[in-house]
Amino acid sequence: MAAAKPGPSVPAAPVAAAATPQIQLIPASADGALDAAEEAVDLLLDSGRAPGDVLVITTGEQHPWAAHELSFGEASYWAQHDAGDDVFYTDASVVGRAASRPVVVVAVNGGPDAAATALPLALTRAGALLIVCGDPQQINSVLGAGV
């Protein structure tokens, strides 16, 4: 009689694998992370991705679009988020309020504490793809080695 192999007797459910978005890392300095995120968004849109599919999160200084839109008030800013018609830019400190979108781009343009908080939240907001722009060592220490 053959010995039983150790491990689970049934394969892992494919549903669990489908729930985890693909993660792409774009190496960038903290100063260059926002520019790298902008380039990633441009490539996504050029490849046919709908603007409303994309959420951009910054861990440090706000994206200029978010700062501009917030100058008109929080209600107007979040109304644009809720409409879901365009790329939405938000700060990591309020990302918990943002709804999930198929693609989330994170600009790690702040310190390690901000990344440690923002990246796990960003992962829960990304439906299919999480693109992280920043220091690979810092990102891997939060999301796991080999990202």
C-alpha atoms as a PDB file:
ATOM      1  CA  MET A   1       0.000   0.000   0.000  1.00  0.00           C
ATOM      2  CA  ALA A   2       1.366   3.431  -0.922  1.00  0.00           C
ATOM      3  CA  ALA A   3       2.058   5.892   1.856  1.00  0.00           C
ATOM      4  CA  ALA A   4      -0.146   8.973   1.917  1.00  0.00           C
ATOM      5  CA  LYS A   5       1.529  12.181   0.867  1.00  0.00           C
ATOM      6  CA  PRO A   6       1.676  14.883   3.519  1.00  0.00           C
ATOM      7  CA  GLY A   7      -0.321  18.037   2.917  1.00  0.00           C
ATOM      8  CA  PRO A   8      -3.884  18.884   2.018  1.00  0.00           C
ATOM      9  CA  SER A   9      -5.916  16.206   0.295  1.00  0.00           C
ATOM     10  CA  VAL A  10      -7.764  18.700  -1.901  1.00  0.00           C
ATOM     11  CA  PRO A  11      -6.269  21.541  -3.909  1.00  0.00           C
ATOM     12  CA  ALA A  12      -6.673  25.074  -2.635  1.00  0.00           C
ATOM     13  CA  ALA A  13      -9.878  26.680  -3.799  1.00  0.00           C
ATOM     14  CA  PRO A  14      -9.370  28.718  -6.979  1.00  0.00           C
ATOM     15  CA  VAL A  15     -11.730  31.359  -5.589  1.00  0.00           C
ATOM     16  CA  ALA A  16      -9.123  32.311  -2.972  1.00  0.00           C
ATOM     17  CA  ALA A  17      -6.486  32.773  -5.666  1.00  0.00           C
ATOM     18  CA  ALA A  18      -8.823  34.908  -7.774  1.00  0.00           C
ATOM     19  CA  ALA A  19      -9.446  37.229  -4.821  1.00  0.00           C
ATOM     20  CA  THR A  20      -5.767  38.198  -4.634  1.00  0.00           C
ATOM     21  CA  PRO A  21      -4.793  40.904  -7.112  1.00  0.00           C
ATOM     22  CA  GLN A  22      -1.636  40.682  -9.178  1.00  0.00           C
ATOM     23  CA  ILE A  23       1.094  42.877  -7.692  1.00  0.00           C
ATOM     24  CA  GLN A  24       3.557  44.819  -9.834  1.00  0.00           C
ATOM     25  CA  LEU A  25       6.480  46.738  -8.417  1.00  0.00           C
ATOM     26  CA  ILE A  26       7.960  49.782 -10.128  1.00  0.00           C
ATOM     27  CA  PRO A  27      11.232  50.689  -8.406  1.00  0.00           C
ATOM     28  CA  ALA A  28      11.432  54.410  -7.627  1.00  0.00           C
ATOM     29  CA  SER A  29      12.874  56.724  -5.011  1.00  0.00           C
ATOM     30  CA  ALA A  30      10.459  58.435  -2.631  1.00  0.00           C
ATOM     31  CA  ASP A  31      10.991  61.614  -4.673  1.00  0.00           C
ATOM     32  CA  GLY A  32      10.284  59.783  -7.941  1.00  0.00           C
ATOM     33  CA  ALA A  33       7.374  57.613  -6.783  1.00  0.00           C
ATOM     34  CA  LEU A  34       4.682  60.101  -7.781  1.00  0.00           C
ATOM     35  CA  ASP A  35       6.135  60.480 -11.280  1.00  0.00           C
ATOM     36  CA  ALA A  36       6.369  56.691 -11.612  1.00  0.00           C
ATOM     37  CA  ALA A  37       2.726  56.371 -10.542  1.00  0.00           C
ATOM     38  CA  GLU A  38       1.711  58.980 -13.128  1.00  0.00           C
ATOM     39  CA  GLU A  39       3.544  57.028 -15.840  1.00  0.00           C
ATOM     40  CA  ALA A  40       1.810  53.815 -14.721  1.00  0.00           C
ATOM     41  CA  VAL A  41      -1.599  55.513 -14.919  1.00  0.00           C
ATOM     42  CA  ASP A  42      -0.797  56.868 -18.399  1.00  0.00           C
ATOM     43  CA  LEU A  43       0.193  53.361 -19.561  1.00  0.00           C
ATOM     44  CA  LEU A  44      -2.994  51.876 -18.096  1.00  0.00           C
ATOM     45  CA  LEU A  45      -5.169  54.445 -19.865  1.00  0.00           C
ATOM     46  CA  ASP A  46      -3.209  54.121 -23.130  1.00  0.00           C
ATOM     47  CA  SER A  47      -3.742  50.346 -23.021  1.00  0.00           C
ATOM     48  CA  GLY A  48      -7.509  50.819 -22.838  1.00  0.00           C
ATOM     49  CA  ARG A  49      -8.178  50.719 -19.108  1.00  0.00           C
ATOM     50  CA  ALA A  50     -11.177  52.896 -18.183  1.00  0.00           C
ATOM     51  CA  PRO A  51     -10.257  55.925 -16.056  1.00  0.00           C
ATOM     52  CA  GLY A  52     -12.905  54.971 -13.496  1.00  0.00           C
ATOM     53  CA  ASP A  53     -11.111  51.648 -12.934  1.00  0.00           C
ATOM     54  CA  VAL A  54      -8.075  53.350 -11.378  1.00  0.00           C
ATOM     55  CA  LEU A  55      -7.458  54.524  -7.809  1.00  0.00           C
ATOM     56  CA  VAL A  56      -4.145  56.249  -7.018  1.00  0.00           C
ATOM     57  CA  ILE A  57      -2.946  56.422  -3.407  1.00  0.00           C
ATOM     58  CA  THR A  58      -0.073  58.534  -2.121  1.00  0.00           C
ATOM     59  CA  THR A  59       1.675  57.740   1.169  1.00  0.00           C
ATOM     60  CA  GLY A  60       3.363  61.126   1.536  1.00  0.00           C
ATOM     61  CA  GLU A  61       2.610  64.434  -0.115  1.00  0.00           C
ATOM     62  CA  GLN A  62      -0.794  64.502  -1.810  1.00  0.00           C
ATOM     63  CA  HIS A  63      -1.106  64.233  -5.556  1.00  0.00           C
ATOM     64  CA  PRO A  64      -1.597  67.747  -7.025  1.00  0.00           C
ATOM     65  CA  TRP A  65      -5.018  66.733  -8.412  1.00  0.00           C
ATOM     66  CA  ALA A  66      -6.253  65.699  -4.954  1.00  0.00           C
ATOM     67  CA  ALA A  67      -4.923  68.890  -3.371  1.00  0.00           C
ATOM     68  CA  HIS A  68      -6.645  70.966  -6.063  1.00  0.00           C
ATOM     69  CA  GLU A  69      -9.969  69.138  -5.812  1.00  0.00           C
ATOM     70  CA  LEU A  70      -9.960  69.278  -2.010  1.00  0.00           C
ATOM     71  CA  SER A  71      -9.679  73.065  -2.274  1.00  0.00           C
ATOM     72  CA  PHE A  72     -13.340  72.972  -3.396  1.00  0.00           C
ATOM     73  CA  GLY A  73     -14.355  71.031  -0.290  1.00  0.00           C
ATOM     74  CA  GLU A  74     -14.545  67.431   0.861  1.00  0.00           C
ATOM     75  CA  ALA A  75     -18.126  66.923  -0.361  1.00  0.00           C
ATOM     76  CA  SER A  76     -17.216  67.795  -3.954  1.00  0.00           C
ATOM     77  CA  TYR A  77     -14.013  65.727  -3.786  1.00  0.00           C
ATOM     78  CA  TRP A  78     -15.761  62.565  -2.537  1.00  0.00           C
ATOM     79  CA  ALA A  79     -18.665  63.089  -4.963  1.00  0.00           C
ATOM     80  CA  GLN A  80     -16.134  62.646  -7.769  1.00  0.00           C
ATOM     81  CA  HIS A  81     -14.979  59.426  -6.124  1.00  0.00           C
ATOM     82  CA  ASP A  82     -18.545  58.160  -5.840  1.00  0.00           C
ATOM     83  CA  ALA A  83     -19.279  59.014  -9.488  1.00  0.00           C
ATOM     84  CA  GLY A  84     -16.437  56.664 -10.497  1.00  0.00           C
ATOM     85  CA  ASP A  85     -15.988  58.318 -13.891  1.00  0.00           C
ATOM     86  CA  ASP A  86     -12.319  59.199 -13.667  1.00  0.00           C
ATOM     87  CA  VAL A  87      -9.032  58.256 -12.075  1.00  0.00           C
ATOM     88  CA  PHE A  88      -9.332  59.123  -8.385  1.00  0.00           C
ATOM     89  CA  TYR A  89      -6.383  60.308  -6.318  1.00  0.00           C
ATOM     90  CA  THR A  90      -6.373  60.035  -2.543  1.00  0.00           C
ATOM     91  CA  ASP A  91      -4.067  60.104   0.412  1.00  0.00           C
ATOM     92  CA  ALA A  92      -3.247  56.959   2.371  1.00  0.00           C
ATOM     93  CA  SER A  93      -4.660  58.525   5.536  1.00  0.00           C
ATOM     94  CA  VAL A  94      -8.203  58.442   4.091  1.00  0.00           C
ATOM     95  CA  VAL A  95      -7.967  55.434   1.766  1.00  0.00           C
ATOM     96  CA  GLY A  96     -10.265  53.494   4.098  1.00  0.00           C
ATOM     97  CA  ARG A  97     -13.082  55.679   2.774  1.00  0.00           C
ATOM     98  CA  ALA A  98     -12.279  54.836  -0.868  1.00  0.00           C
ATOM     99  CA  ALA A  99     -14.160  52.053  -2.621  1.00  0.00           C
ATOM    100  CA  SER A 100     -12.418  49.161  -4.343  1.00  0.00           C
ATOM    101  CA  ARG A 101     -11.413  49.601  -7.953  1.00  0.00           C
ATOM    102  CA  PRO A 102      -9.994  47.075 -10.419  1.00  0.00           C
ATOM    103  CA  VAL A 103      -6.576  48.779 -10.396  1.00  0.00           C
ATOM    104  CA  VAL A 104      -4.873  50.532  -7.498  1.00  0.00           C
ATOM    105  CA  VAL A 105      -1.615  52.427  -8.001  1.00  0.00           C
ATOM    106  CA  VAL A 106       0.347  53.377  -4.877  1.00  0.00           C
ATOM    107  CA  ALA A 107       3.045  56.042  -4.864  1.00  0.00           C
ATOM    108  CA  VAL A 108       5.224  55.284  -1.833  1.00  0.00           C
ATOM    109  CA  ASN A 109       6.364  58.895  -1.502  1.00  0.00           C
ATOM    110  CA  GLY A 110       6.321  58.981   2.297  1.00  0.00           C
ATOM    111  CA  GLY A 111       8.111  57.246   5.114  1.00  0.00           C
ATOM    112  CA  PRO A 112       8.119  53.545   5.995  1.00  0.00           C
ATOM    113  CA  ASP A 113       5.340  53.943   8.567  1.00  0.00           C
ATOM    114  CA  ALA A 114       2.980  55.333   5.938  1.00  0.00           C
ATOM    115  CA  ALA A 115       3.803  52.477   3.555  1.00  0.00           C
ATOM    116  CA  ALA A 116       3.308  49.861   6.273  1.00  0.00           C
ATOM    117  CA  THR A 117      -0.210  51.178   6.854  1.00  0.00           C
ATOM    118  CA  ALA A 118      -1.148  52.044   3.268  1.00  0.00           C
ATOM    119  CA  LEU A 119       0.017  48.963   1.358  1.00  0.00           C
ATOM    120  CA  PRO A 120      -2.138  46.372   3.179  1.00  0.00           C
ATOM    121  CA  LEU A 121      -5.162  48.680   2.776  1.00  0.00           C
ATOM    122  CA  ALA A 122      -4.348  49.239  -0.896  1.00  0.00           C
ATOM    123  CA  LEU A 123      -4.202  45.484  -1.384  1.00  0.00           C
ATOM    124  CA  THR A 124      -7.777  45.196  -0.080  1.00  0.00           C
ATOM    125  CA  ARG A 125      -8.939  47.945  -2.475  1.00  0.00           C
ATOM    126  CA  ALA A 126      -7.358  46.430  -5.615  1.00  0.00           C
ATOM    127  CA  GLY A 127      -9.631  44.112  -7.547  1.00  0.00           C
ATOM    128  CA  ALA A 128      -7.278  42.770 -10.231  1.00  0.00           C
ATOM    129  CA  LEU A 129      -4.010  44.696 -10.078  1.00  0.00           C
ATOM    130  CA  LEU A 130      -1.953  46.541  -7.472  1.00  0.00           C
ATOM    131  CA  ILE A 131       0.913  48.624  -8.832  1.00  0.00           C
ATOM    132  CA  VAL A 132       3.337  49.898  -6.200  1.00  0.00           C
ATOM    133  CA  CYS A 133       5.870  52.599  -7.060  1.00  0.00           C
ATOM    134  CA  GLY A 134       8.659  53.021  -4.551  1.00  0.00           C
ATOM    135  CA  ASP A 135      11.668  51.523  -2.793  1.00  0.00           C
ATOM    136  CA  PRO A 136      11.636  47.740  -3.485  1.00  0.00           C
ATOM    137  CA  GLN A 137      13.159  46.869  -0.088  1.00  0.00           C
ATOM    138  CA  GLN A 138      10.571  48.894   1.763  1.00  0.00           C
ATOM    139  CA  ILE A 139       7.707  47.472  -0.298  1.00  0.00           C
ATOM    140  CA  ASN A 140       8.909  43.871   0.014  1.00  0.00           C
ATOM    141  CA  SER A 141       9.243  44.239   3.777  1.00  0.00           C
ATOM    142  CA  VAL A 142       5.544  45.145   3.935  1.00  0.00           C
ATOM    143  CA  LEU A 143       4.019  42.937   1.219  1.00  0.00           C
ATOM    144  CA  GLY A 144       6.428  40.012   1.417  1.00  0.00           C
ATOM    145  CA  ALA A 145       9.706  39.200  -0.243  1.00  0.00           C
ATOM    146  CA  GLY A 146       9.828  38.814  -3.987  1.00  0.00           C
ATOM    147  CA  VAL A 147       7.086  41.219  -5.002  1.00  0.00           C
END
